[in-house]
Amino acid sequence: MRKTLLLAALATSIAAGPLAAQPAATTTRFADIAARLEGQGFQIQEMERKNDRFEVKAMNAQGQRLRLDVDATTGAILRQDARTRDGHR
């Protein structure tokens, strides 16, 4: 009886293994982030991946130069700062 229960538990865990695995968080591609920002009226000047976010230098519809931090997984804008002519905040 004990062997039967053990084998049944093993078979169940093997069969459920791939189904039980959680999908990893997907990273949004550069092109997807760029398209999303351009759709919001930003003109992208420079874009760089930094760990779990994108650092984007862009200009808004009013011509203001901005630095954006964008979440690499969700595409959400985490931070938005105005830049001066020399590129600093």
C-alpha atoms as a PDB file:
ATOM      1  CA  MET A   1       0.000   0.000   0.000  1.00  0.00           C
ATOM      2  CA  ARG A   2       2.812   2.371   0.934  1.00  0.00           C
ATOM      3  CA  LYS A   3       4.609   1.730  -2.381  1.00  0.00           C
ATOM      4  CA  THR A   4       1.398   2.443  -4.285  1.00  0.00           C
ATOM      5  CA  LEU A   5       0.905   5.784  -2.520  1.00  0.00           C
ATOM      6  CA  LEU A   6       4.544   6.739  -3.077  1.00  0.00           C
ATOM      7  CA  LEU A   7       4.375   5.868  -6.769  1.00  0.00           C
ATOM      8  CA  ALA A   8       1.090   7.750  -7.152  1.00  0.00           C
ATOM      9  CA  ALA A   9       2.579  10.821  -5.478  1.00  0.00           C
ATOM     10  CA  LEU A  10       5.688  10.636  -7.656  1.00  0.00           C
ATOM     11  CA  ALA A  11       3.652  10.242 -10.840  1.00  0.00           C
ATOM     12  CA  THR A  12       1.460  13.187  -9.869  1.00  0.00           C
ATOM     13  CA  SER A  13       4.431  15.446  -9.139  1.00  0.00           C
ATOM     14  CA  ILE A  14       6.130  14.520 -12.429  1.00  0.00           C
ATOM     15  CA  ALA A  15       2.963  15.107 -14.418  1.00  0.00           C
ATOM     16  CA  ALA A  16       2.195  18.400 -12.670  1.00  0.00           C
ATOM     17  CA  GLY A  17       5.788  19.684 -12.819  1.00  0.00           C
ATOM     18  CA  PRO A  18       5.599  21.689 -16.062  1.00  0.00           C
ATOM     19  CA  LEU A  19       2.085  22.891 -15.288  1.00  0.00           C
ATOM     20  CA  ALA A  20       3.024  24.033 -11.807  1.00  0.00           C
ATOM     21  CA  ALA A  21       6.003  26.086 -12.973  1.00  0.00           C
ATOM     22  CA  GLN A  22       5.381  29.813 -12.875  1.00  0.00           C
ATOM     23  CA  PRO A  23       6.293  31.777 -15.990  1.00  0.00           C
ATOM     24  CA  ALA A  24       9.180  34.183 -15.555  1.00  0.00           C
ATOM     25  CA  ALA A  25       8.437  37.897 -15.776  1.00  0.00           C
ATOM     26  CA  THR A  26       8.926  38.900 -19.368  1.00  0.00           C
ATOM     27  CA  THR A  27      11.010  41.864 -20.336  1.00  0.00           C
ATOM     28  CA  THR A  28       9.556  44.414 -22.677  1.00  0.00           C
ATOM     29  CA  ARG A  29      11.638  44.941 -25.803  1.00  0.00           C
ATOM     30  CA  PHE A  30      13.263  48.236 -26.796  1.00  0.00           C
ATOM     31  CA  ALA A  31      10.911  48.546 -29.776  1.00  0.00           C
ATOM     32  CA  ASP A  32       7.832  48.026 -27.584  1.00  0.00           C
ATOM     33  CA  ILE A  33       8.948  50.684 -25.094  1.00  0.00           C
ATOM     34  CA  ALA A  34       9.782  53.105 -27.908  1.00  0.00           C
ATOM     35  CA  ALA A  35       6.407  52.565 -29.593  1.00  0.00           C
ATOM     36  CA  ARG A  36       4.564  53.076 -26.313  1.00  0.00           C
ATOM     37  CA  LEU A  37       6.420  56.317 -25.523  1.00  0.00           C
ATOM     38  CA  GLU A  38       6.009  57.658 -29.062  1.00  0.00           C
ATOM     39  CA  GLY A  39       2.301  56.892 -28.797  1.00  0.00           C
ATOM     40  CA  GLN A  40       2.235  59.113 -25.699  1.00  0.00           C
ATOM     41  CA  GLY A  41       3.796  62.001 -27.666  1.00  0.00           C
ATOM     42  CA  PHE A  42       7.470  61.569 -26.731  1.00  0.00           C
ATOM     43  CA  GLN A  43      10.246  61.858 -29.324  1.00  0.00           C
ATOM     44  CA  ILE A  44      13.021  59.487 -28.255  1.00  0.00           C
ATOM     45  CA  GLN A  45      16.579  60.770 -28.505  1.00  0.00           C
ATOM     46  CA  GLU A  46      18.456  58.054 -26.617  1.00  0.00           C
ATOM     47  CA  MET A  47      17.521  54.836 -24.854  1.00  0.00           C
ATOM     48  CA  GLU A  48      19.621  52.532 -22.673  1.00  0.00           C
ATOM     49  CA  ARG A  49      18.822  49.355 -20.727  1.00  0.00           C
ATOM     50  CA  LYS A  50      19.900  49.431 -17.079  1.00  0.00           C
ATOM     51  CA  ASN A  51      19.022  46.241 -15.172  1.00  0.00           C
ATOM     52  CA  ASP A  52      15.256  46.205 -14.610  1.00  0.00           C
ATOM     53  CA  ARG A  53      14.521  49.525 -16.323  1.00  0.00           C
ATOM     54  CA  PHE A  54      15.165  51.597 -19.403  1.00  0.00           C
ATOM     55  CA  GLU A  55      16.713  55.049 -19.132  1.00  0.00           C
ATOM     56  CA  VAL A  56      15.272  57.199 -21.899  1.00  0.00           C
ATOM     57  CA  LYS A  57      16.190  60.706 -23.018  1.00  0.00           C
ATOM     58  CA  ALA A  58      13.278  62.180 -24.920  1.00  0.00           C
ATOM     59  CA  MET A  59      11.435  65.337 -25.861  1.00  0.00           C
ATOM     60  CA  ASN A  60       7.746  65.815 -25.129  1.00  0.00           C
ATOM     61  CA  ALA A  61       5.182  67.439 -27.441  1.00  0.00           C
ATOM     62  CA  GLN A  62       5.922  70.870 -25.882  1.00  0.00           C
ATOM     63  CA  GLY A  63       9.625  70.570 -26.773  1.00  0.00           C
ATOM     64  CA  GLN A  64      10.771  69.977 -23.197  1.00  0.00           C
ATOM     65  CA  ARG A  65      13.768  67.634 -22.874  1.00  0.00           C
ATOM     66  CA  LEU A  66      13.125  64.838 -20.379  1.00  0.00           C
ATOM     67  CA  ARG A  67      14.829  61.876 -18.785  1.00  0.00           C
ATOM     68  CA  LEU A  68      12.466  58.957 -18.188  1.00  0.00           C
ATOM     69  CA  ASP A  69      12.954  55.797 -16.170  1.00  0.00           C
ATOM     70  CA  VAL A  70      10.727  53.066 -17.606  1.00  0.00           C
ATOM     71  CA  ASP A  71      10.063  49.686 -15.978  1.00  0.00           C
ATOM     72  CA  ALA A  72      11.463  46.958 -18.262  1.00  0.00           C
ATOM     73  CA  THR A  73       8.717  44.487 -17.380  1.00  0.00           C
ATOM     74  CA  THR A  74       5.564  46.603 -17.369  1.00  0.00           C
ATOM     75  CA  GLY A  75       6.603  49.545 -19.549  1.00  0.00           C
ATOM     76  CA  ALA A  76       5.322  51.979 -16.923  1.00  0.00           C
ATOM     77  CA  ILE A  77       7.087  55.326 -16.530  1.00  0.00           C
ATOM     78  CA  LEU A  78       8.641  55.219 -13.065  1.00  0.00           C
ATOM     79  CA  ARG A  79      10.209  58.676 -13.083  1.00  0.00           C
ATOM     80  CA  GLN A  80      10.219  61.703 -15.340  1.00  0.00           C
ATOM     81  CA  ASP A  81      12.687  64.587 -14.913  1.00  0.00           C
ATOM     82  CA  ALA A  82      13.266  67.703 -17.000  1.00  0.00           C
ATOM     83  CA  ARG A  83      16.779  68.091 -18.447  1.00  0.00           C
ATOM     84  CA  THR A  84      18.692  71.293 -19.122  1.00  0.00           C
ATOM     85  CA  ARG A  85      20.423  72.043 -22.424  1.00  0.00           C
ATOM     86  CA  ASP A  86      23.649  70.388 -21.214  1.00  0.00           C
ATOM     87  CA  GLY A  87      21.762  67.164 -20.377  1.00  0.00           C
ATOM     88  CA  HIS A  88      21.669  67.525 -16.604  1.00  0.00           C
ATOM     89  CA  ARG A  89      18.616  67.651 -14.404  1.00  0.00           C
END
